[in-house]
Amino acid sequence: MANNASKIALVTGGSRGLGKDSALQLAKKGFDVIITYQTKKEAAEAVIVDIEAIGQKAFALPLDISSTKGFEAFKDAVQHILDSQLGGRKLDALVNNAGTGIHAAFSTTTEEELDAMTNIHFKGPYFITQKLLPLLNDGGSVVNTSSGLARFSFAGYSAYGAMKAAIDSLSRYQALELGSRKIRVNSVAPGAIATDFGGGAVRDNLDFQKMLASQTALGRVGLPDDIGSVVAFLCTDDSKWINAQRIEVSGGFII
């Protein structure tokens, strides 16, 4: 823990699900954590309490990842926290986690739905990372959230899955271009996880759960803490030679 005691991580979408668990796992590894939320301010504040109980500093900021218009103000807000609360230090890790999903057949997906997926899952992470580069330490780590749906295909996820495939590609380009600053970039691709994502289908639909588990080598669907620990690992020096990789964390789904 002491090795990372002075490090700082920013996790977008940290008020629930995988982002929340990633933030908690980072705190357990000695990171101070800044999380973002879009509307769930109370949930974000509860995560802050949990992180502080672990013994780390924590802060929550609002962020709409779907609109670049607010990114400059967000950068200024992060800078203010770094300067006023964290001793003028810089970020050591950025976790691009925030996102929502849609389930729509390719034949009926609208331009508005595709634009939303593009803005949330590709354009947003692309430009928020670009915007925060001056606040990120050399030798830092960026972790982008992909999806198993970038490798295997389920009907109804063409827009979402295609954007996650784009994130995998972007991660490699970022790793190449940020390598001169010794910044590592990897993507983590969760399989089916029992959270409220997508209306909570994996968590709440037992028949769906059984079907997914039957196609998973380890025989169950994933839980948030199956993912957060991997994200946190990729933010630490323990993973210092892992770069430009897509790491699927799915228990061996459709191997």
Protein backbone atom coordinates (compact mmCIF):
# COMPACT_ATOMS: atom_id res chain seq x y z
CA MET A 1 0.00 0.00 0.00
CA ALA A 2 2.80 2.41 0.82
CA ASN A 3 4.09 2.15 -2.73
CA ASN A 4 0.97 3.92 -4.03
CA ALA A 5 0.17 6.03 -0.96
CA SER A 6 0.65 9.34 -2.72
CA LYS A 7 -1.08 8.48 -6.00
CA ILE A 8 -4.33 9.94 -7.30
CA ALA A 9 -6.88 8.33 -9.60
CA LEU A 10 -9.86 9.79 -11.42
CA VAL A 11 -12.73 7.41 -12.20
CA THR A 12 -15.59 8.59 -14.42
CA GLY A 13 -18.97 7.15 -13.57
CA GLY A 14 -17.84 6.19 -10.08
CA SER A 15 -21.16 6.44 -8.27
CA ARG A 16 -22.35 2.91 -9.06
CA GLY A 17 -21.54 -0.46 -10.58
CA LEU A 18 -18.10 -1.12 -11.99
CA GLY A 19 -16.93 2.46 -11.50
CA LYS A 20 -17.83 2.37 -7.82
CA ASP A 21 -16.00 -0.90 -7.27
CA SER A 22 -12.98 0.36 -9.22
CA ALA A 23 -12.85 3.46 -7.03
CA LEU A 24 -13.04 1.38 -3.85
CA GLN A 25 -10.39 -1.05 -5.06
CA LEU A 26 -8.10 1.87 -5.94
CA ALA A 27 -8.57 3.29 -2.46
CA LYS A 28 -7.62 -0.07 -0.97
CA LYS A 29 -4.38 0.16 -2.95
CA GLY A 30 -3.62 3.54 -1.43
CA PHE A 31 -4.95 5.92 -4.07
CA ASP A 32 -6.80 9.12 -3.32
CA VAL A 33 -9.76 9.13 -5.68
CA ILE A 34 -11.82 11.65 -7.62
CA ILE A 35 -15.04 10.17 -9.01
CA THR A 36 -17.62 11.64 -11.34
CA TYR A 37 -21.37 11.26 -11.48
CA GLN A 38 -24.00 12.54 -13.86
CA THR A 39 -27.19 12.66 -11.78
CA LYS A 40 -26.66 10.37 -8.78
CA LYS A 41 -25.07 12.89 -6.42
CA GLU A 42 -26.22 11.11 -3.25
CA ALA A 43 -24.85 7.80 -4.48
CA ALA A 44 -21.54 9.47 -5.30
CA GLU A 45 -21.38 11.03 -1.84
CA ALA A 46 -21.96 7.58 -0.32
CA VAL A 47 -18.97 6.26 -2.29
CA ILE A 48 -16.91 9.16 -0.92
CA VAL A 49 -17.82 8.11 2.61
CA ASP A 50 -16.79 4.52 1.85
CA ILE A 51 -13.43 5.61 0.43
CA GLU A 52 -12.73 7.88 3.38
CA ALA A 53 -13.54 4.96 5.69
CA ILE A 54 -10.74 3.05 3.95
CA GLY A 55 -8.43 5.91 4.87
CA GLN A 56 -8.04 7.75 1.57
CA LYS A 57 -9.13 11.17 0.40
CA ALA A 58 -12.05 11.26 -2.03
CA PHE A 59 -13.98 13.83 -4.03
CA ALA A 60 -16.98 13.77 -6.37
CA LEU A 61 -17.57 16.01 -9.38
CA PRO A 62 -20.48 16.16 -11.84
CA LEU A 63 -19.67 15.26 -15.44
CA ASP A 64 -21.81 14.65 -18.50
CA ILE A 65 -19.50 12.50 -20.61
CA SER A 66 -21.85 12.80 -23.59
CA SER A 67 -21.12 16.51 -24.12
CA THR A 68 -17.66 17.95 -24.67
CA LYS A 69 -19.00 21.42 -23.90
CA GLY A 70 -18.46 20.90 -20.18
CA PHE A 71 -14.98 19.37 -20.41
CA GLU A 72 -12.99 22.59 -19.98
CA ALA A 73 -14.92 23.51 -16.83
CA PHE A 74 -14.49 19.95 -15.57
CA LYS A 75 -10.74 20.15 -16.11
CA ASP A 76 -10.69 23.39 -14.10
CA ALA A 77 -12.66 21.70 -11.30
CA VAL A 78 -10.20 18.80 -11.20
CA GLN A 79 -7.29 21.24 -11.16
CA HIS A 80 -8.88 23.08 -8.24
CA ILE A 81 -9.18 19.86 -6.22
CA LEU A 82 -5.59 18.91 -7.02
CA ASP A 83 -4.32 22.33 -5.96
CA SER A 84 -6.52 22.99 -2.93
CA GLN A 85 -7.02 19.51 -1.48
CA LEU A 86 -4.25 17.26 -2.78
CA GLY A 87 -1.10 19.32 -2.42
CA GLY A 88 -0.79 20.42 -6.02
CA ARG A 89 -0.08 16.89 -7.18
CA LYS A 90 -1.19 15.49 -10.55
CA LEU A 91 -3.31 12.52 -11.48
CA ASP A 92 -1.55 9.16 -11.74
CA ALA A 93 -4.43 7.23 -13.25
CA LEU A 94 -7.51 7.93 -15.35
CA VAL A 95 -10.27 5.34 -15.61
CA ASN A 96 -12.75 6.04 -18.40
CA ASN A 97 -15.71 4.09 -17.10
CA ALA A 98 -18.84 6.24 -17.42
CA GLY A 99 -21.44 4.96 -19.83
CA THR A 100 -24.89 3.66 -20.57
CA GLY A 101 -26.15 1.07 -23.01
CA ILE A 102 -28.97 0.61 -25.48
CA HIS A 103 -30.54 -2.57 -26.78
CA ALA A 104 -31.92 -2.07 -30.28
CA ALA A 105 -31.93 -4.14 -33.44
CA PHE A 106 -29.59 -2.93 -36.17
CA SER A 107 -32.61 -2.54 -38.49
CA THR A 108 -34.34 -0.12 -36.11
CA THR A 109 -31.44 1.74 -34.44
CA THR A 110 -31.93 5.45 -34.99
CA GLU A 111 -29.34 8.05 -35.85
CA GLU A 112 -30.01 9.68 -32.49
CA GLU A 113 -29.29 6.40 -30.66
CA LEU A 114 -26.07 5.86 -32.60
CA ASP A 115 -24.99 9.44 -31.96
CA ALA A 116 -25.63 8.92 -28.24
CA MET A 117 -23.49 5.78 -28.14
CA THR A 118 -20.74 7.52 -30.13
CA ASN A 119 -20.73 10.54 -27.83
CA ILE A 120 -20.83 8.54 -24.59
CA HIS A 121 -18.52 5.66 -25.41
CA PHE A 122 -16.07 7.04 -27.95
CA LYS A 123 -16.07 10.81 -28.40
CA GLY A 124 -16.42 11.48 -24.67
CA PRO A 125 -13.52 9.26 -23.52
CA TYR A 126 -11.44 10.46 -26.48
CA PHE A 127 -11.69 14.12 -25.62
CA ILE A 128 -11.85 13.91 -21.82
CA THR A 129 -8.54 12.03 -21.90
CA GLN A 130 -7.10 14.63 -24.27
CA LYS A 131 -8.34 17.43 -22.01
CA LEU A 132 -6.84 15.88 -18.86
CA LEU A 133 -3.41 15.07 -20.34
CA PRO A 134 -1.81 18.18 -18.79
CA LEU A 135 -3.05 17.02 -15.37
CA LEU A 136 -1.74 13.46 -15.76
CA ASN A 137 1.71 12.56 -14.50
CA ASP A 138 4.32 11.11 -16.83
CA GLY A 139 4.44 7.40 -16.07
CA GLY A 140 0.72 7.35 -15.35
CA SER A 141 -1.94 4.91 -16.50
CA VAL A 142 -5.14 5.21 -18.53
CA VAL A 143 -7.70 2.42 -18.38
CA ASN A 144 -10.53 2.51 -20.90
CA THR A 145 -13.66 0.44 -20.40
CA SER A 146 -14.43 -1.83 -23.33
CA SER A 147 -16.85 -4.77 -23.41
CA GLY A 148 -16.92 -8.43 -24.25
CA LEU A 149 -19.40 -7.36 -26.94
CA ALA A 150 -16.45 -6.00 -28.92
CA ARG A 151 -15.30 -9.63 -29.40
CA PHE A 152 -18.51 -11.68 -29.47
CA SER A 153 -21.83 -10.51 -30.85
CA PHE A 154 -25.30 -10.50 -29.32
CA ALA A 155 -28.26 -9.29 -31.34
CA GLY A 156 -29.35 -5.79 -30.37
CA TYR A 157 -25.94 -4.40 -29.42
CA SER A 158 -24.53 -3.26 -32.77
CA ALA A 159 -24.20 0.41 -31.74
CA TYR A 160 -22.81 -0.29 -28.27
CA GLY A 161 -20.50 -3.12 -29.32
CA ALA A 162 -19.09 -1.20 -32.27
CA MET A 163 -18.20 1.75 -30.03
CA LYS A 164 -16.44 -0.57 -27.60
CA ALA A 165 -14.43 -2.05 -30.47
CA ALA A 166 -13.46 1.53 -31.33
CA ILE A 167 -12.30 2.03 -27.74
CA ASP A 168 -10.04 -1.02 -28.01
CA SER A 169 -8.47 0.45 -31.13
CA LEU A 170 -8.19 3.92 -29.61
CA SER A 171 -6.41 2.47 -26.58
CA ARG A 172 -3.66 1.10 -28.80
CA TYR A 173 -3.22 4.44 -30.57
CA GLN A 174 -3.14 6.27 -27.25
CA ALA A 175 -0.53 3.83 -25.94
CA LEU A 176 1.60 4.47 -29.01
CA GLU A 177 1.39 8.24 -28.89
CA LEU A 178 1.60 8.65 -25.12
CA GLY A 179 4.49 6.23 -24.79
CA SER A 180 6.98 9.09 -24.99
CA ARG A 181 5.56 10.22 -21.63
CA LYS A 182 5.68 6.63 -20.28
CA ILE A 183 1.89 6.70 -19.95
CA ARG A 184 0.41 3.22 -20.32
CA VAL A 185 -3.03 2.71 -21.88
CA ASN A 186 -5.05 -0.50 -21.70
CA SER A 187 -8.68 -1.45 -22.10
CA VAL A 188 -10.63 -3.73 -19.76
CA ALA A 189 -13.48 -5.65 -21.38
CA PRO A 190 -16.00 -6.98 -18.86
CA GLY A 191 -18.26 -9.86 -19.72
CA ALA A 192 -21.82 -10.06 -18.41
CA ILE A 193 -21.86 -8.41 -14.97
CA ALA A 194 -24.71 -8.40 -12.44
CA THR A 195 -25.22 -4.64 -12.02
CA ASP A 196 -27.98 -2.14 -12.81
CA PHE A 197 -26.40 -1.57 -16.24
CA GLY A 198 -28.86 -1.99 -19.11
CA GLY A 199 -31.80 -2.02 -16.77
CA GLY A 200 -30.27 -4.72 -14.57
CA ALA A 201 -31.06 -7.58 -16.98
CA VAL A 202 -28.04 -9.70 -16.01
CA ARG A 203 -28.63 -9.08 -12.30
CA ASP A 204 -32.41 -9.55 -12.22
CA ASN A 205 -33.33 -12.03 -14.99
CA LEU A 206 -32.47 -15.46 -13.58
CA ASP A 207 -33.12 -17.28 -16.86
CA PHE A 208 -30.78 -14.89 -18.65
CA GLN A 209 -28.22 -15.41 -15.88
CA LYS A 210 -28.39 -19.18 -16.27
CA MET A 211 -27.93 -18.94 -20.03
CA LEU A 212 -24.89 -16.70 -19.66
CA ALA A 213 -23.41 -18.88 -16.89
CA SER A 214 -23.82 -21.97 -19.05
CA GLN A 215 -21.55 -20.42 -21.68
CA THR A 216 -18.93 -19.28 -19.17
CA ALA A 217 -16.05 -21.59 -18.30
CA LEU A 218 -16.19 -20.62 -14.62
CA GLY A 219 -19.93 -21.27 -14.53
CA ARG A 220 -21.40 -17.96 -13.35
CA VAL A 221 -21.95 -14.37 -14.39
CA GLY A 222 -19.59 -11.67 -13.17
CA LEU A 223 -19.88 -9.39 -10.17
CA PRO A 224 -18.57 -5.82 -9.89
CA ASP A 225 -15.66 -6.87 -7.69
CA ASP A 226 -14.50 -9.22 -10.43
CA ILE A 227 -13.70 -6.13 -12.49
CA GLY A 228 -12.66 -3.37 -10.11
CA SER A 229 -9.62 -5.25 -8.83
CA VAL A 230 -8.32 -5.68 -12.40
CA VAL A 231 -8.82 -1.98 -13.15
CA ALA A 232 -7.00 -1.04 -9.95
CA PHE A 233 -4.13 -3.44 -10.78
CA LEU A 234 -3.68 -1.74 -14.17
CA CYS A 235 -3.35 1.61 -12.38
CA THR A 236 -0.50 0.43 -10.15
CA ASP A 237 3.18 -0.16 -10.76
CA ASP A 238 2.50 -3.89 -10.45
CA SER A 239 1.35 -3.71 -14.08
CA LYS A 240 4.16 -1.45 -15.25
CA TRP A 241 4.97 -3.57 -18.35
CA ILE A 242 1.37 -4.09 -19.50
CA ASN A 243 0.58 -1.65 -22.28
CA ALA A 244 -1.70 -1.43 -25.33
CA GLN A 245 -3.60 -4.53 -24.25
CA ARG A 246 -7.27 -5.48 -24.31
CA ILE A 247 -7.89 -7.53 -21.20
CA GLU A 248 -11.19 -9.37 -21.21
CA VAL A 249 -12.51 -10.11 -17.73
CA SER A 250 -15.38 -12.47 -18.39
CA GLY A 251 -14.64 -15.75 -16.61
CA GLY A 252 -14.05 -17.40 -19.97
CA PHE A 253 -17.25 -16.52 -21.85
CA ILE A 254 -17.69 -18.20 -25.25
CA ILE A 255 -14.04 -19.22 -25.36
